[in-house]
Structure formats: structure tokens, C-alpha cells
Amino acid sequence: MADTADTRTPAEIEADIRRRREVLAETLDEIGVRVHPKTIVGDAKAKVVSNIDHTLGRAYVQVNRVVSDVRAQFVDEEGAPRLERVVPVALVAVGLVGLLALGARRRRG
């Protein structure tokens, strides 16, 4: 059987107990801060904001990519418009606006 006798002096034991109490007090204070309702709400808000920022960042990248792709369809490498693509799209847009204007005029009259 192993010898379990403690060779520390009473003063050393008291010092160990004092240090252990200080560590436990710090741990309890930290737990108290972590479980405080304001801390929990603040952490939840920070997480939501972080997720929103991440989602918005991804959306921005996706929109930027789509805009770049569309721009590449209508502008050549030098920045000049590609008339063979711009003119048909412009005609379709004018036609749609005209149809919408006629539809609105018929509803009023």
C-alpha cells in the first residue's frame, strides 16, 4: 500500500487552500459573467450580426460576379459597347415599356 502521508507544513497547506480559493473565485466570477442575461443576449446578437455580415458578403460577391458577366456580354475588352447585343436588348426594352404603357392606358379609359 502506498504511503499517503502529507509532508507539508500547516502554513503550506493554508497557502495552498488560499490559492485554490482565489482560483475558484475567479472561475465563479467568469461563470457569472458568461451566464448573465446581458452577456448571453450580447453574444447572440454578435453571432447574428456575424452571420448577416457573412451572408451579405457572399451575396455581394455573387451580385458582383453576375454584373461582371452581364457587362462582359455588352462591352468588349476595350470598353466599347457591343452594338450587335445592345441594340436588340434596347428594342425589346422599348417594346415592353410600350406594352405596359398601352395596358395602363386601357385600364384607365
C-alpha atoms as a PDB file:
ATOM      1  CA  MET A   1       0.000   0.000   0.000  1.00  0.00           C
ATOM      2  CA  ALA A   2       1.281   3.468  -0.920  1.00  0.00           C
ATOM      3  CA  ASP A   3       2.203   5.952   1.757  1.00  0.00           C
ATOM      4  CA  THR A   4      -0.262   8.882   1.595  1.00  0.00           C
ATOM      5  CA  ALA A   5       1.273  10.927   4.382  1.00  0.00           C
ATOM      6  CA  ASP A   6       1.379  14.678   3.637  1.00  0.00           C
ATOM      7  CA  THR A   7       4.769  16.213   4.353  1.00  0.00           C
ATOM      8  CA  ARG A   8       3.616  19.817   4.025  1.00  0.00           C
ATOM      9  CA  THR A   9       3.509  22.155   6.964  1.00  0.00           C
ATOM     10  CA  PRO A  10       0.212  23.661   8.135  1.00  0.00           C
ATOM     11  CA  ALA A  11       1.314  27.042   6.700  1.00  0.00           C
ATOM     12  CA  GLU A  12       1.913  25.453   3.272  1.00  0.00           C
ATOM     13  CA  ILE A  13      -1.472  23.748   3.402  1.00  0.00           C
ATOM     14  CA  GLU A  14      -3.159  27.059   4.303  1.00  0.00           C
ATOM     15  CA  ALA A  15      -1.331  28.814   1.436  1.00  0.00           C
ATOM     16  CA  ASP A  16      -2.487  26.088  -0.994  1.00  0.00           C
ATOM     17  CA  ILE A  17      -6.062  26.453   0.249  1.00  0.00           C
ATOM     18  CA  ARG A  18      -5.859  30.257  -0.127  1.00  0.00           C
ATOM     19  CA  ARG A  19      -4.559  29.939  -3.738  1.00  0.00           C
ATOM     20  CA  ARG A  20      -7.241  27.377  -4.572  1.00  0.00           C
ATOM     21  CA  ARG A  21      -9.965  29.690  -3.180  1.00  0.00           C
ATOM     22  CA  GLU A  22      -8.663  32.582  -5.301  1.00  0.00           C
ATOM     23  CA  VAL A  23      -8.686  30.418  -8.431  1.00  0.00           C
ATOM     24  CA  LEU A  24     -12.197  29.202  -7.640  1.00  0.00           C
ATOM     25  CA  ALA A  25     -13.381  32.780  -7.001  1.00  0.00           C
ATOM     26  CA  GLU A  26     -12.024  33.875 -10.396  1.00  0.00           C
ATOM     27  CA  THR A  27     -13.696  30.896 -12.072  1.00  0.00           C
ATOM     28  CA  LEU A  28     -17.027  31.654 -10.392  1.00  0.00           C
ATOM     29  CA  ASP A  29     -16.789  35.313 -11.420  1.00  0.00           C
ATOM     30  CA  GLU A  30     -16.124  34.270 -15.008  1.00  0.00           C
ATOM     31  CA  ILE A  31     -19.064  31.847 -14.968  1.00  0.00           C
ATOM     32  CA  GLY A  32     -21.258  34.592 -13.514  1.00  0.00           C
ATOM     33  CA  VAL A  33     -20.326  36.910 -16.376  1.00  0.00           C
ATOM     34  CA  ARG A  34     -20.856  34.207 -19.011  1.00  0.00           C
ATOM     35  CA  VAL A  35     -24.335  33.248 -17.797  1.00  0.00           C
ATOM     36  CA  HIS A  36     -25.517  36.811 -17.182  1.00  0.00           C
ATOM     37  CA  PRO A  37     -28.535  37.556 -19.414  1.00  0.00           C
ATOM     38  CA  LYS A  38     -26.902  40.659 -20.914  1.00  0.00           C
ATOM     39  CA  THR A  39     -23.836  38.627 -21.892  1.00  0.00           C
ATOM     40  CA  ILE A  40     -25.969  35.894 -23.436  1.00  0.00           C
ATOM     41  CA  VAL A  41     -28.033  38.440 -25.389  1.00  0.00           C
ATOM     42  CA  GLY A  42     -24.876  40.270 -26.494  1.00  0.00           C
ATOM     43  CA  ASP A  43     -23.270  37.038 -27.668  1.00  0.00           C
ATOM     44  CA  ALA A  44     -26.434  36.079 -29.561  1.00  0.00           C
ATOM     45  CA  LYS A  45     -26.595  39.500 -31.223  1.00  0.00           C
ATOM     46  CA  ALA A  46     -22.924  39.304 -32.185  1.00  0.00           C
ATOM     47  CA  LYS A  47     -23.480  35.868 -33.720  1.00  0.00           C
ATOM     48  CA  VAL A  48     -26.481  37.087 -35.726  1.00  0.00           C
ATOM     49  CA  VAL A  49     -24.563  40.138 -36.949  1.00  0.00           C
ATOM     50  CA  SER A  50     -21.645  37.931 -37.922  1.00  0.00           C
ATOM     51  CA  ASN A  51     -23.940  35.595 -39.873  1.00  0.00           C
ATOM     52  CA  ILE A  52     -25.626  38.539 -41.594  1.00  0.00           C
ATOM     53  CA  ASP A  53     -22.255  40.059 -42.500  1.00  0.00           C
ATOM     54  CA  HIS A  54     -21.114  36.709 -43.880  1.00  0.00           C
ATOM     55  CA  THR A  55     -24.335  36.286 -45.883  1.00  0.00           C
ATOM     56  CA  LEU A  56     -24.172  39.848 -47.217  1.00  0.00           C
ATOM     57  CA  GLY A  57     -20.540  39.360 -48.168  1.00  0.00           C
ATOM     58  CA  ARG A  58     -21.387  36.219 -50.119  1.00  0.00           C
ATOM     59  CA  ALA A  59     -24.347  37.968 -51.765  1.00  0.00           C
ATOM     60  CA  TYR A  60     -22.137  40.926 -52.722  1.00  0.00           C
ATOM     61  CA  VAL A  61     -19.607  38.604 -54.345  1.00  0.00           C
ATOM     62  CA  GLN A  62     -22.369  36.775 -56.232  1.00  0.00           C
ATOM     63  CA  VAL A  63     -24.001  40.004 -57.440  1.00  0.00           C
ATOM     64  CA  ASN A  64     -20.624  41.406 -58.448  1.00  0.00           C
ATOM     65  CA  ARG A  65     -19.927  38.238 -60.440  1.00  0.00           C
ATOM     66  CA  VAL A  66     -23.318  38.441 -62.214  1.00  0.00           C
ATOM     67  CA  VAL A  67     -22.821  42.131 -63.019  1.00  0.00           C
ATOM     68  CA  SER A  68     -19.369  41.401 -64.411  1.00  0.00           C
ATOM     69  CA  ASP A  69     -20.748  38.563 -66.532  1.00  0.00           C
ATOM     70  CA  VAL A  70     -23.584  40.743 -67.883  1.00  0.00           C
ATOM     71  CA  ARG A  71     -21.201  43.612 -68.530  1.00  0.00           C
ATOM     72  CA  ALA A  72     -18.909  41.265 -70.458  1.00  0.00           C
ATOM     73  CA  GLN A  73     -21.854  40.399 -72.703  1.00  0.00           C
ATOM     74  CA  PHE A  74     -22.482  44.039 -73.648  1.00  0.00           C
ATOM     75  CA  VAL A  75     -18.994  45.597 -73.563  1.00  0.00           C
ATOM     76  CA  ASP A  76     -15.851  44.428 -75.355  1.00  0.00           C
ATOM     77  CA  GLU A  77     -12.367  44.233 -73.845  1.00  0.00           C
ATOM     78  CA  GLU A  78     -11.649  47.871 -74.728  1.00  0.00           C
ATOM     79  CA  GLY A  79     -14.797  49.162 -73.005  1.00  0.00           C
ATOM     80  CA  ALA A  80     -16.737  49.910 -76.206  1.00  0.00           C
ATOM     81  CA  PRO A  81     -20.377  48.762 -76.333  1.00  0.00           C
ATOM     82  CA  ARG A  82     -21.166  45.700 -78.471  1.00  0.00           C
ATOM     83  CA  LEU A  83     -23.900  47.141 -80.652  1.00  0.00           C
ATOM     84  CA  GLU A  84     -24.893  43.722 -82.009  1.00  0.00           C
ATOM     85  CA  ARG A  85     -26.033  42.863 -78.474  1.00  0.00           C
ATOM     86  CA  VAL A  86     -27.073  46.262 -77.114  1.00  0.00           C
ATOM     87  CA  VAL A  87     -29.488  47.209 -79.933  1.00  0.00           C
ATOM     88  CA  PRO A  88     -31.730  44.102 -79.722  1.00  0.00           C
ATOM     89  CA  VAL A  89     -31.955  44.363 -75.923  1.00  0.00           C
ATOM     90  CA  ALA A  90     -32.803  48.070 -76.181  1.00  0.00           C
ATOM     91  CA  LEU A  91     -35.540  47.317 -78.742  1.00  0.00           C
ATOM     92  CA  VAL A  92     -37.054  44.643 -76.506  1.00  0.00           C
ATOM     93  CA  ALA A  93     -36.963  47.026 -73.531  1.00  0.00           C
ATOM     94  CA  VAL A  94     -38.686  49.785 -75.515  1.00  0.00           C
ATOM     95  CA  GLY A  95     -41.304  47.291 -76.703  1.00  0.00           C
ATOM     96  CA  LEU A  96     -42.030  46.137 -73.148  1.00  0.00           C
ATOM     97  CA  VAL A  97     -42.350  49.713 -71.896  1.00  0.00           C
ATOM     98  CA  GLY A  98     -44.709  50.471 -74.777  1.00  0.00           C
ATOM     99  CA  LEU A  99     -46.876  47.444 -73.985  1.00  0.00           C
ATOM    100  CA  LEU A 100     -47.012  48.403 -70.319  1.00  0.00           C
ATOM    101  CA  ALA A 101     -47.983  51.969 -71.233  1.00  0.00           C
ATOM    102  CA  LEU A 102     -50.760  50.720 -73.538  1.00  0.00           C
ATOM    103  CA  GLY A 103     -52.040  48.337 -70.871  1.00  0.00           C
ATOM    104  CA  ALA A 104     -52.140  51.112 -68.289  1.00  0.00           C
ATOM    105  CA  ARG A 105     -53.927  53.443 -70.722  1.00  0.00           C
ATOM    106  CA  ARG A 106     -56.597  50.834 -71.483  1.00  0.00           C
ATOM    107  CA  ARG A 107     -57.323  50.235 -67.797  1.00  0.00           C
ATOM    108  CA  ARG A 108     -57.896  53.940 -67.156  1.00  0.00           C
ATOM    109  CA  GLY A 109     -60.115  54.534 -70.150  1.00  0.00           C
END
